[in-house]
């Protein structure tokens, strides 16, 4: 079964940028739709962004819509989450997750219940 690995996290200052990567072992990401979620201490896990297998469908949470961008590079077997103008409220553990089902136009895939393969997570900390 495919396993997901996140990378690119770290400690940054408010206003800085970070790019998270999600790669896989045991299988290719091209067979999966990929979602990004985050969980801050004491809070529930929340949806951040998602991209379909082909990249034709993308979703972003309202809270990150103008700052975060999700993309994928099949040649590099990687899905990216570009995070710009980071704020303290973006501090969280970030997870990528995979869904092997075929996505349909008109459906929104922001619920964690759609995703059945999860990475270990990567910490992003934004300081004032």
Foldseek 3Di string as FASTA:
>chain_A
DKAKAKDFADEEAAQAKTKMKIAIPPDFCLQWKKWKWWDAPPGDIFGAKIAGSVRPDIDGDPVQVVFWDWDDDRVVSMIMIIGGRDDQVPWTWMKMFTARDDDDPPDDDGDPVRTDHIHPTDTHGYHD
